[in-house]
Amino acid sequence: MVSSTADTAGTVGDAANRPSVLFVCVHNAGRSQMAAAWLRHLAGDRVEVRSAGSAPADQINPAVVEAMREVGIDVSEQTPKILTVEAVRESDVCITMGCGDACPVFPGKRYLDWKLQDPAGRGVEAVRPIRDEIKGLVEGLVAEIAPTGTTA
C-alpha cells in the first residue's frame, strides 16, 4: 500500500518540531484534498498540512465534498492549488497519490506514493471506499509522525 519512492533518512519535523506534510495529486480536487482534510481532522495542530497539484482543477470534486461531509468534515471551502517548489521544500513528507505526479526532490525529505483510485468522474458511492482507504493511510501516518502525546 504505502511505498517509498525516495525515502531519505532524517528526522521529520520543522523548527517548531511540528512535522509538515504535502499531499499531491494532479488536479488537487479529490485524493489530496481528502488526505489533507483527514490529516487536519486527526492530527489537529500537531502537523502542518498542505495539498497541491500539477494541473489544479477549478474546484473540489462535488462527490468528494459530499463523501467528506458524510463523516463530518467540510472541504467545500477548499480550493485546488498549484504545486510549487516552495511547498515541497517546506514539507518534511511529500505524498503523491498514485497519479503519476512527481515532486521536486530535496535532500532530507521523505517521499511516499499511495496507490489510490481516482475519484474523478465518479459518484459519491464510488468515492466512499477511496475516502475510507485514505483515512486508514492517514491514521498510520499520524501514528508515525505525530503520535498522541507529542507537543508542538
N, C-alpha and C. Protein backbone atom coordinates (compact mmCIF):
# COMPACT_ATOMS: atom_id res chain seq x y z
N MET A 1 0.82 -1.20 0.00
CA MET A 1 0.00 0.00 0.00
C MET A 1 0.87 1.26 0.00
N VAL A 2 1.62 1.45 1.07
CA VAL A 2 2.48 2.62 1.15
C VAL A 2 3.86 2.22 0.66
N SER A 3 4.34 2.93 -0.34
CA SER A 3 5.68 2.63 -0.82
C SER A 3 6.49 3.91 -0.83
N SER A 4 7.74 3.75 -0.61
CA SER A 4 8.64 4.90 -0.60
C SER A 4 9.37 4.94 -1.92
N THR A 5 9.28 6.09 -2.59
CA THR A 5 9.95 6.22 -3.87
C THR A 5 11.36 6.77 -3.73
N ALA A 6 11.60 7.52 -2.70
CA ALA A 6 12.94 8.04 -2.44
C ALA A 6 13.05 8.36 -0.97
N ASP A 7 12.75 7.37 -0.15
CA ASP A 7 12.71 7.57 1.29
C ASP A 7 14.10 7.94 1.78
N THR A 8 14.21 9.09 2.37
CA THR A 8 15.51 9.54 2.84
C THR A 8 15.55 9.50 4.35
N ALA A 9 16.71 9.32 4.90
CA ALA A 9 16.86 9.31 6.34
C ALA A 9 16.78 10.72 6.87
N GLY A 10 16.45 10.83 8.11
CA GLY A 10 16.40 12.15 8.72
C GLY A 10 15.22 12.25 9.65
N THR A 11 15.22 13.26 10.46
CA THR A 11 14.16 13.47 11.41
C THR A 11 13.05 14.26 10.74
N VAL A 12 11.82 13.79 10.95
CA VAL A 12 10.67 14.51 10.43
C VAL A 12 10.32 15.60 11.42
N GLY A 13 10.23 16.84 10.93
CA GLY A 13 9.83 17.95 11.80
C GLY A 13 10.50 19.23 11.41
N ASP A 14 9.79 20.35 11.62
CA ASP A 14 10.37 21.64 11.29
C ASP A 14 10.98 22.26 12.54
N ALA A 15 11.32 23.53 12.45
CA ALA A 15 12.00 24.20 13.55
C ALA A 15 11.17 24.16 14.84
N ALA A 16 9.86 24.14 14.73
CA ALA A 16 9.00 24.09 15.91
C ALA A 16 8.71 22.65 16.31
N ASN A 17 9.43 21.70 15.70
CA ASN A 17 9.26 20.27 15.96
C ASN A 17 7.86 19.79 15.59
N ARG A 18 7.24 20.47 14.65
CA ARG A 18 5.94 20.07 14.14
C ARG A 18 6.15 19.60 12.71
N PRO A 19 5.90 18.32 12.41
CA PRO A 19 6.11 17.85 11.05
C PRO A 19 5.16 18.50 10.07
N SER A 20 5.59 18.59 8.82
CA SER A 20 4.74 19.14 7.77
C SER A 20 4.61 18.12 6.65
N VAL A 21 3.39 18.02 6.11
CA VAL A 21 3.08 17.03 5.09
C VAL A 21 2.45 17.72 3.90
N LEU A 22 2.89 17.33 2.70
CA LEU A 22 2.33 17.82 1.44
C LEU A 22 1.72 16.64 0.71
N PHE A 23 0.42 16.73 0.38
CA PHE A 23 -0.26 15.73 -0.42
C PHE A 23 -0.39 16.26 -1.84
N VAL A 24 -0.04 15.42 -2.82
CA VAL A 24 -0.04 15.86 -4.22
C VAL A 24 -0.83 14.89 -5.08
N CYS A 25 -1.77 15.41 -5.86
CA CYS A 25 -2.39 14.68 -6.96
C CYS A 25 -2.59 15.68 -8.09
N VAL A 26 -2.76 15.21 -9.29
CA VAL A 26 -2.73 16.07 -10.47
C VAL A 26 -3.66 17.28 -10.34
N HIS A 27 -4.94 17.04 -10.04
CA HIS A 27 -5.92 18.13 -10.03
C HIS A 27 -6.15 18.76 -8.66
N ASN A 28 -5.61 18.15 -7.60
CA ASN A 28 -5.79 18.65 -6.24
C ASN A 28 -7.28 18.90 -5.96
N ALA A 29 -8.12 17.98 -6.45
CA ALA A 29 -9.56 18.15 -6.31
C ALA A 29 -10.22 16.95 -5.64
N GLY A 30 -9.43 15.90 -5.35
CA GLY A 30 -10.02 14.69 -4.81
C GLY A 30 -9.16 14.06 -3.74
N ARG A 31 -8.29 13.14 -4.16
CA ARG A 31 -7.48 12.37 -3.21
C ARG A 31 -6.65 13.23 -2.28
N SER A 32 -5.91 14.18 -2.83
CA SER A 32 -5.03 15.00 -1.98
C SER A 32 -5.85 15.88 -1.04
N GLN A 33 -7.01 16.34 -1.49
CA GLN A 33 -7.86 17.15 -0.61
C GLN A 33 -8.44 16.31 0.52
N MET A 34 -8.85 15.06 0.20
CA MET A 34 -9.36 14.19 1.26
C MET A 34 -8.26 13.86 2.26
N ALA A 35 -7.07 13.57 1.77
CA ALA A 35 -5.95 13.24 2.66
C ALA A 35 -5.61 14.43 3.56
N ALA A 36 -5.56 15.61 2.99
CA ALA A 36 -5.26 16.81 3.79
C ALA A 36 -6.33 17.03 4.84
N ALA A 37 -7.59 16.86 4.46
CA ALA A 37 -8.69 17.06 5.41
C ALA A 37 -8.64 16.03 6.53
N TRP A 38 -8.36 14.76 6.18
CA TRP A 38 -8.23 13.74 7.22
C TRP A 38 -7.08 14.06 8.15
N LEU A 39 -5.94 14.49 7.62
CA LEU A 39 -4.79 14.78 8.47
C LEU A 39 -5.10 15.95 9.42
N ARG A 40 -5.73 16.99 8.90
CA ARG A 40 -6.11 18.11 9.77
C ARG A 40 -7.06 17.63 10.86
N HIS A 41 -8.02 16.80 10.49
CA HIS A 41 -9.03 16.31 11.41
C HIS A 41 -8.41 15.41 12.49
N LEU A 42 -7.53 14.51 12.09
CA LEU A 42 -6.99 13.51 13.01
C LEU A 42 -5.80 14.01 13.83
N ALA A 43 -5.01 14.91 13.27
CA ALA A 43 -3.80 15.37 13.97
C ALA A 43 -3.94 16.77 14.54
N GLY A 44 -4.95 17.50 14.11
CA GLY A 44 -5.12 18.86 14.61
C GLY A 44 -3.90 19.71 14.31
N ASP A 45 -3.45 20.47 15.30
CA ASP A 45 -2.31 21.37 15.08
C ASP A 45 -0.97 20.69 15.32
N ARG A 46 -0.96 19.36 15.49
CA ARG A 46 0.31 18.64 15.66
C ARG A 46 1.08 18.50 14.35
N VAL A 47 0.39 18.75 13.21
CA VAL A 47 1.01 18.60 11.90
C VAL A 47 0.61 19.79 11.04
N GLU A 48 1.55 20.30 10.27
CA GLU A 48 1.25 21.32 9.27
C GLU A 48 0.88 20.58 7.98
N VAL A 49 -0.25 20.97 7.37
CA VAL A 49 -0.81 20.24 6.24
C VAL A 49 -0.88 21.13 5.00
N ARG A 50 -0.43 20.56 3.86
CA ARG A 50 -0.53 21.24 2.57
C ARG A 50 -1.06 20.24 1.55
N SER A 51 -1.67 20.75 0.50
CA SER A 51 -2.02 19.91 -0.64
C SER A 51 -1.88 20.75 -1.90
N ALA A 52 -1.58 20.07 -3.02
CA ALA A 52 -1.37 20.78 -4.27
C ALA A 52 -1.45 19.81 -5.43
N GLY A 53 -1.48 20.36 -6.64
CA GLY A 53 -1.50 19.54 -7.84
C GLY A 53 -0.75 20.20 -8.98
N SER A 54 -0.30 19.39 -9.91
CA SER A 54 0.45 19.92 -11.05
C SER A 54 -0.45 20.62 -12.06
N ALA A 55 -1.72 20.23 -12.11
CA ALA A 55 -2.69 20.86 -13.01
C ALA A 55 -4.00 21.00 -12.23
N PRO A 56 -4.05 21.96 -11.29
CA PRO A 56 -5.21 22.07 -10.41
C PRO A 56 -6.52 22.31 -11.16
N ALA A 57 -7.58 21.68 -10.66
CA ALA A 57 -8.92 21.87 -11.21
C ALA A 57 -9.45 23.23 -10.74
N ASP A 58 -10.63 23.57 -11.23
CA ASP A 58 -11.27 24.82 -10.82
C ASP A 58 -11.92 24.73 -9.45
N GLN A 59 -12.31 23.50 -9.07
CA GLN A 59 -13.00 23.32 -7.79
C GLN A 59 -12.80 21.90 -7.29
N ILE A 60 -13.13 21.69 -6.03
CA ILE A 60 -13.08 20.36 -5.44
C ILE A 60 -14.18 19.51 -6.09
N ASN A 61 -13.89 18.25 -6.31
CA ASN A 61 -14.86 17.30 -6.85
C ASN A 61 -16.10 17.28 -5.93
N PRO A 62 -17.30 17.55 -6.48
CA PRO A 62 -18.51 17.58 -5.63
C PRO A 62 -18.78 16.26 -4.90
N ALA A 63 -18.45 15.13 -5.51
CA ALA A 63 -18.65 13.84 -4.84
C ALA A 63 -17.70 13.70 -3.65
N VAL A 64 -16.52 14.29 -3.74
CA VAL A 64 -15.57 14.30 -2.62
C VAL A 64 -16.12 15.17 -1.50
N VAL A 65 -16.65 16.33 -1.84
CA VAL A 65 -17.24 17.22 -0.83
C VAL A 65 -18.34 16.47 -0.09
N GLU A 66 -19.22 15.79 -0.81
CA GLU A 66 -20.32 15.06 -0.19
C GLU A 66 -19.82 13.90 0.67
N ALA A 67 -18.88 13.12 0.15
CA ALA A 67 -18.36 11.97 0.90
C ALA A 67 -17.70 12.42 2.20
N MET A 68 -16.97 13.51 2.16
CA MET A 68 -16.34 14.01 3.38
C MET A 68 -17.37 14.61 4.33
N ARG A 69 -18.39 15.25 3.78
CA ARG A 69 -19.46 15.80 4.62
C ARG A 69 -20.14 14.68 5.41
N GLU A 70 -20.28 13.51 4.79
CA GLU A 70 -20.91 12.36 5.45
C GLU A 70 -20.18 11.94 6.73
N VAL A 71 -18.88 12.21 6.80
CA VAL A 71 -18.10 11.86 8.00
C VAL A 71 -17.80 13.09 8.86
N GLY A 72 -18.53 14.16 8.60
CA GLY A 72 -18.43 15.35 9.43
C GLY A 72 -17.27 16.27 9.12
N ILE A 73 -16.69 16.17 7.93
CA ILE A 73 -15.57 17.03 7.55
C ILE A 73 -15.99 17.87 6.34
N ASP A 74 -15.90 19.18 6.47
CA ASP A 74 -16.30 20.10 5.42
C ASP A 74 -15.09 20.54 4.60
N VAL A 75 -15.05 20.14 3.34
CA VAL A 75 -13.97 20.58 2.44
C VAL A 75 -14.49 21.53 1.37
N SER A 76 -15.74 21.97 1.51
CA SER A 76 -16.37 22.78 0.47
C SER A 76 -15.68 24.12 0.24
N GLU A 77 -14.99 24.63 1.25
CA GLU A 77 -14.31 25.92 1.10
C GLU A 77 -12.87 25.79 0.61
N GLN A 78 -12.38 24.56 0.48
CA GLN A 78 -11.01 24.35 -0.01
C GLN A 78 -10.95 24.64 -1.50
N THR A 79 -9.80 25.06 -1.98
CA THR A 79 -9.61 25.30 -3.40
C THR A 79 -8.35 24.59 -3.87
N PRO A 80 -8.40 24.01 -5.07
CA PRO A 80 -7.20 23.38 -5.62
C PRO A 80 -6.07 24.40 -5.77
N LYS A 81 -4.85 23.96 -5.47
CA LYS A 81 -3.67 24.83 -5.52
C LYS A 81 -2.61 24.21 -6.42
N ILE A 82 -1.79 25.05 -7.00
CA ILE A 82 -0.71 24.60 -7.88
C ILE A 82 0.46 24.10 -7.03
N LEU A 83 1.07 23.03 -7.47
CA LEU A 83 2.27 22.50 -6.82
C LEU A 83 3.44 23.43 -7.09
N THR A 84 4.12 23.84 -6.03
CA THR A 84 5.28 24.72 -6.17
C THR A 84 6.51 24.07 -5.54
N VAL A 85 7.65 24.47 -5.99
CA VAL A 85 8.91 24.00 -5.42
C VAL A 85 8.96 24.39 -3.94
N GLU A 86 8.46 25.58 -3.60
CA GLU A 86 8.49 26.04 -2.22
C GLU A 86 7.67 25.12 -1.31
N ALA A 87 6.50 24.67 -1.79
CA ALA A 87 5.66 23.78 -0.97
C ALA A 87 6.40 22.49 -0.66
N VAL A 88 7.14 21.96 -1.64
CA VAL A 88 7.91 20.74 -1.41
C VAL A 88 9.06 21.04 -0.45
N ARG A 89 9.77 22.12 -0.69
CA ARG A 89 10.92 22.48 0.14
C ARG A 89 10.51 22.65 1.60
N GLU A 90 9.31 23.20 1.86
CA GLU A 90 8.85 23.48 3.21
C GLU A 90 8.21 22.28 3.90
N SER A 91 8.08 21.16 3.19
CA SER A 91 7.42 19.98 3.75
C SER A 91 8.43 18.91 4.12
N ASP A 92 8.16 18.21 5.21
CA ASP A 92 9.01 17.11 5.64
C ASP A 92 8.68 15.83 4.90
N VAL A 93 7.37 15.62 4.65
CA VAL A 93 6.89 14.42 3.97
C VAL A 93 6.07 14.86 2.77
N CYS A 94 6.39 14.30 1.60
CA CYS A 94 5.66 14.59 0.36
C CYS A 94 5.02 13.29 -0.12
N ILE A 95 3.69 13.30 -0.22
CA ILE A 95 2.96 12.08 -0.57
C ILE A 95 2.19 12.30 -1.86
N THR A 96 2.56 11.53 -2.89
CA THR A 96 1.79 11.54 -4.12
C THR A 96 0.72 10.45 -4.00
N MET A 97 -0.31 10.57 -4.82
CA MET A 97 -1.49 9.74 -4.66
C MET A 97 -1.65 8.71 -5.77
N GLY A 98 -0.55 8.16 -6.27
CA GLY A 98 -0.64 7.15 -7.31
C GLY A 98 -1.12 7.71 -8.63
N CYS A 99 -0.84 8.98 -8.86
CA CYS A 99 -1.39 9.67 -10.02
C CYS A 99 -0.32 10.05 -11.04
N GLY A 100 0.89 9.60 -10.84
CA GLY A 100 1.94 9.91 -11.80
C GLY A 100 2.62 11.25 -11.58
N ASP A 101 2.13 12.03 -10.63
CA ASP A 101 2.79 13.30 -10.33
C ASP A 101 4.10 13.03 -9.61
N ALA A 102 5.04 13.88 -9.84
CA ALA A 102 6.33 13.76 -9.16
C ALA A 102 6.66 15.09 -8.52
N CYS A 103 7.22 15.03 -7.34
CA CYS A 103 7.64 16.24 -6.63
C CYS A 103 9.11 16.48 -6.90
N PRO A 104 9.52 17.74 -6.88
CA PRO A 104 10.96 18.01 -6.91
C PRO A 104 11.60 17.31 -5.71
N VAL A 105 12.79 16.78 -5.88
CA VAL A 105 13.44 16.02 -4.82
C VAL A 105 14.48 16.89 -4.12
N PHE A 106 14.35 16.96 -2.80
CA PHE A 106 15.29 17.69 -1.97
C PHE A 106 15.84 16.73 -0.92
N PRO A 107 17.11 16.86 -0.58
CA PRO A 107 17.68 16.01 0.47
C PRO A 107 16.94 16.19 1.79
N GLY A 108 16.83 15.11 2.54
CA GLY A 108 16.23 15.18 3.86
C GLY A 108 14.71 15.10 3.87
N LYS A 109 14.08 15.01 2.72
CA LYS A 109 12.63 14.87 2.65
C LYS A 109 12.27 13.40 2.56
N ARG A 110 11.10 13.07 2.96
CA ARG A 110 10.59 11.71 2.83
C ARG A 110 9.53 11.73 1.73
N TYR A 111 9.64 10.82 0.77
CA TYR A 111 8.72 10.76 -0.35
C TYR A 111 7.99 9.42 -0.34
N LEU A 112 6.66 9.49 -0.39
CA LEU A 112 5.81 8.30 -0.43
C LEU A 112 4.86 8.40 -1.61
N ASP A 113 4.43 7.25 -2.11
CA ASP A 113 3.39 7.23 -3.14
C ASP A 113 2.31 6.27 -2.68
N TRP A 114 1.12 6.81 -2.44
CA TRP A 114 -0.02 5.99 -2.05
C TRP A 114 -0.81 5.66 -3.30
N LYS A 115 -0.92 4.38 -3.63
CA LYS A 115 -1.65 3.92 -4.81
C LYS A 115 -3.15 3.94 -4.50
N LEU A 116 -3.85 4.93 -5.05
CA LEU A 116 -5.27 5.12 -4.77
C LEU A 116 -6.05 5.29 -6.06
N GLN A 117 -7.28 4.81 -6.08
CA GLN A 117 -8.17 5.03 -7.21
C GLN A 117 -8.46 6.52 -7.34
N ASP A 118 -8.68 6.98 -8.56
CA ASP A 118 -9.00 8.38 -8.82
C ASP A 118 -10.52 8.57 -8.70
N PRO A 119 -10.97 9.49 -7.85
CA PRO A 119 -12.41 9.73 -7.72
C PRO A 119 -13.01 10.59 -8.84
N ALA A 120 -12.19 11.11 -9.74
CA ALA A 120 -12.68 11.99 -10.80
C ALA A 120 -13.77 11.29 -11.62
N GLY A 121 -14.86 11.99 -11.81
CA GLY A 121 -15.95 11.48 -12.64
C GLY A 121 -16.79 10.40 -11.98
N ARG A 122 -16.57 10.13 -10.72
CA ARG A 122 -17.31 9.08 -10.01
C ARG A 122 -18.31 9.71 -9.05
N GLY A 123 -19.35 8.96 -8.76
CA GLY A 123 -20.34 9.40 -7.79
C GLY A 123 -19.88 9.14 -6.37
N VAL A 124 -20.66 9.63 -5.42
CA VAL A 124 -20.30 9.52 -4.01
C VAL A 124 -20.16 8.06 -3.57
N GLU A 125 -20.96 7.15 -4.16
CA GLU A 125 -20.87 5.74 -3.78
C GLU A 125 -19.49 5.19 -4.08
N ALA A 126 -18.89 5.60 -5.19
CA ALA A 126 -17.55 5.14 -5.57
C ALA A 126 -16.46 5.87 -4.80
N VAL A 127 -16.75 7.06 -4.30
CA VAL A 127 -15.76 7.86 -3.57
C VAL A 127 -15.62 7.38 -2.13
N ARG A 128 -16.68 6.85 -1.54
CA ARG A 128 -16.63 6.42 -0.13
C ARG A 128 -15.50 5.44 0.16
N PRO A 129 -15.31 4.38 -0.64
CA PRO A 129 -14.21 3.46 -0.33
C PRO A 129 -12.83 4.13 -0.45
N ILE A 130 -12.69 5.07 -1.37
CA ILE A 130 -11.43 5.80 -1.53
C ILE A 130 -11.21 6.66 -0.28
N ARG A 131 -12.25 7.34 0.13
CA ARG A 131 -12.20 8.17 1.35
C ARG A 131 -11.76 7.34 2.55
N ASP A 132 -12.36 6.15 2.69
CA ASP A 132 -12.06 5.30 3.84
C ASP A 132 -10.64 4.74 3.77
N GLU A 133 -10.17 4.41 2.58
CA GLU A 133 -8.79 3.94 2.42
C GLU A 133 -7.80 5.04 2.79
N ILE A 134 -8.10 6.25 2.34
CA ILE A 134 -7.24 7.39 2.67
C ILE A 134 -7.21 7.61 4.18
N LYS A 135 -8.36 7.49 4.84
CA LYS A 135 -8.40 7.66 6.30
C LYS A 135 -7.44 6.67 6.96
N GLY A 136 -7.47 5.42 6.54
CA GLY A 136 -6.58 4.41 7.12
C GLY A 136 -5.12 4.74 6.92
N LEU A 137 -4.77 5.20 5.72
CA LEU A 137 -3.38 5.59 5.44
C LEU A 137 -2.96 6.78 6.30
N VAL A 138 -3.85 7.75 6.43
CA VAL A 138 -3.54 8.94 7.24
C VAL A 138 -3.43 8.57 8.71
N GLU A 139 -4.26 7.66 9.19
CA GLU A 139 -4.15 7.23 10.59
C GLU A 139 -2.77 6.62 10.84
N GLY A 140 -2.28 5.82 9.90
CA GLY A 140 -0.94 5.25 10.03
C GLY A 140 0.13 6.32 10.02
N LEU A 141 -0.03 7.31 9.16
CA LEU A 141 0.92 8.41 9.09
C LEU A 141 0.95 9.20 10.40
N VAL A 142 -0.22 9.50 10.94
CA VAL A 142 -0.31 10.24 12.20
C VAL A 142 0.38 9.47 13.32
N ALA A 143 0.13 8.17 13.38
CA ALA A 143 0.74 7.35 14.43
C ALA A 143 2.26 7.39 14.34
N GLU A 144 2.76 7.53 13.12
CA GLU A 144 4.21 7.55 12.91
C GLU A 144 4.84 8.90 13.17
N ILE A 145 4.25 9.97 12.62
CA ILE A 145 4.92 11.27 12.68
C ILE A 145 4.41 12.20 13.77
N ALA A 146 3.21 11.95 14.29
CA ALA A 146 2.65 12.84 15.30
C ALA A 146 1.76 12.07 16.27
N PRO A 147 2.33 11.08 16.95
CA PRO A 147 1.52 10.29 17.86
C PRO A 147 0.94 11.16 18.97
N THR A 148 -0.18 10.73 19.51
CA THR A 148 -0.81 11.43 20.62
C THR A 148 0.19 11.53 21.76
N GLY A 149 0.20 12.70 22.37
CA GLY A 149 1.13 12.91 23.47
C GLY A 149 2.34 13.72 23.06
N THR A 150 2.55 13.90 21.72
CA THR A 150 3.64 14.76 21.29
C THR A 150 3.18 16.20 21.37
N THR A 151 4.10 17.09 21.56
CA THR A 151 3.75 18.51 21.66
C THR A 151 4.28 19.25 20.46
N ALA A 152 3.59 20.31 20.15
CA ALA A 152 4.02 21.14 19.01
C ALA A 152 4.99 22.18 19.46
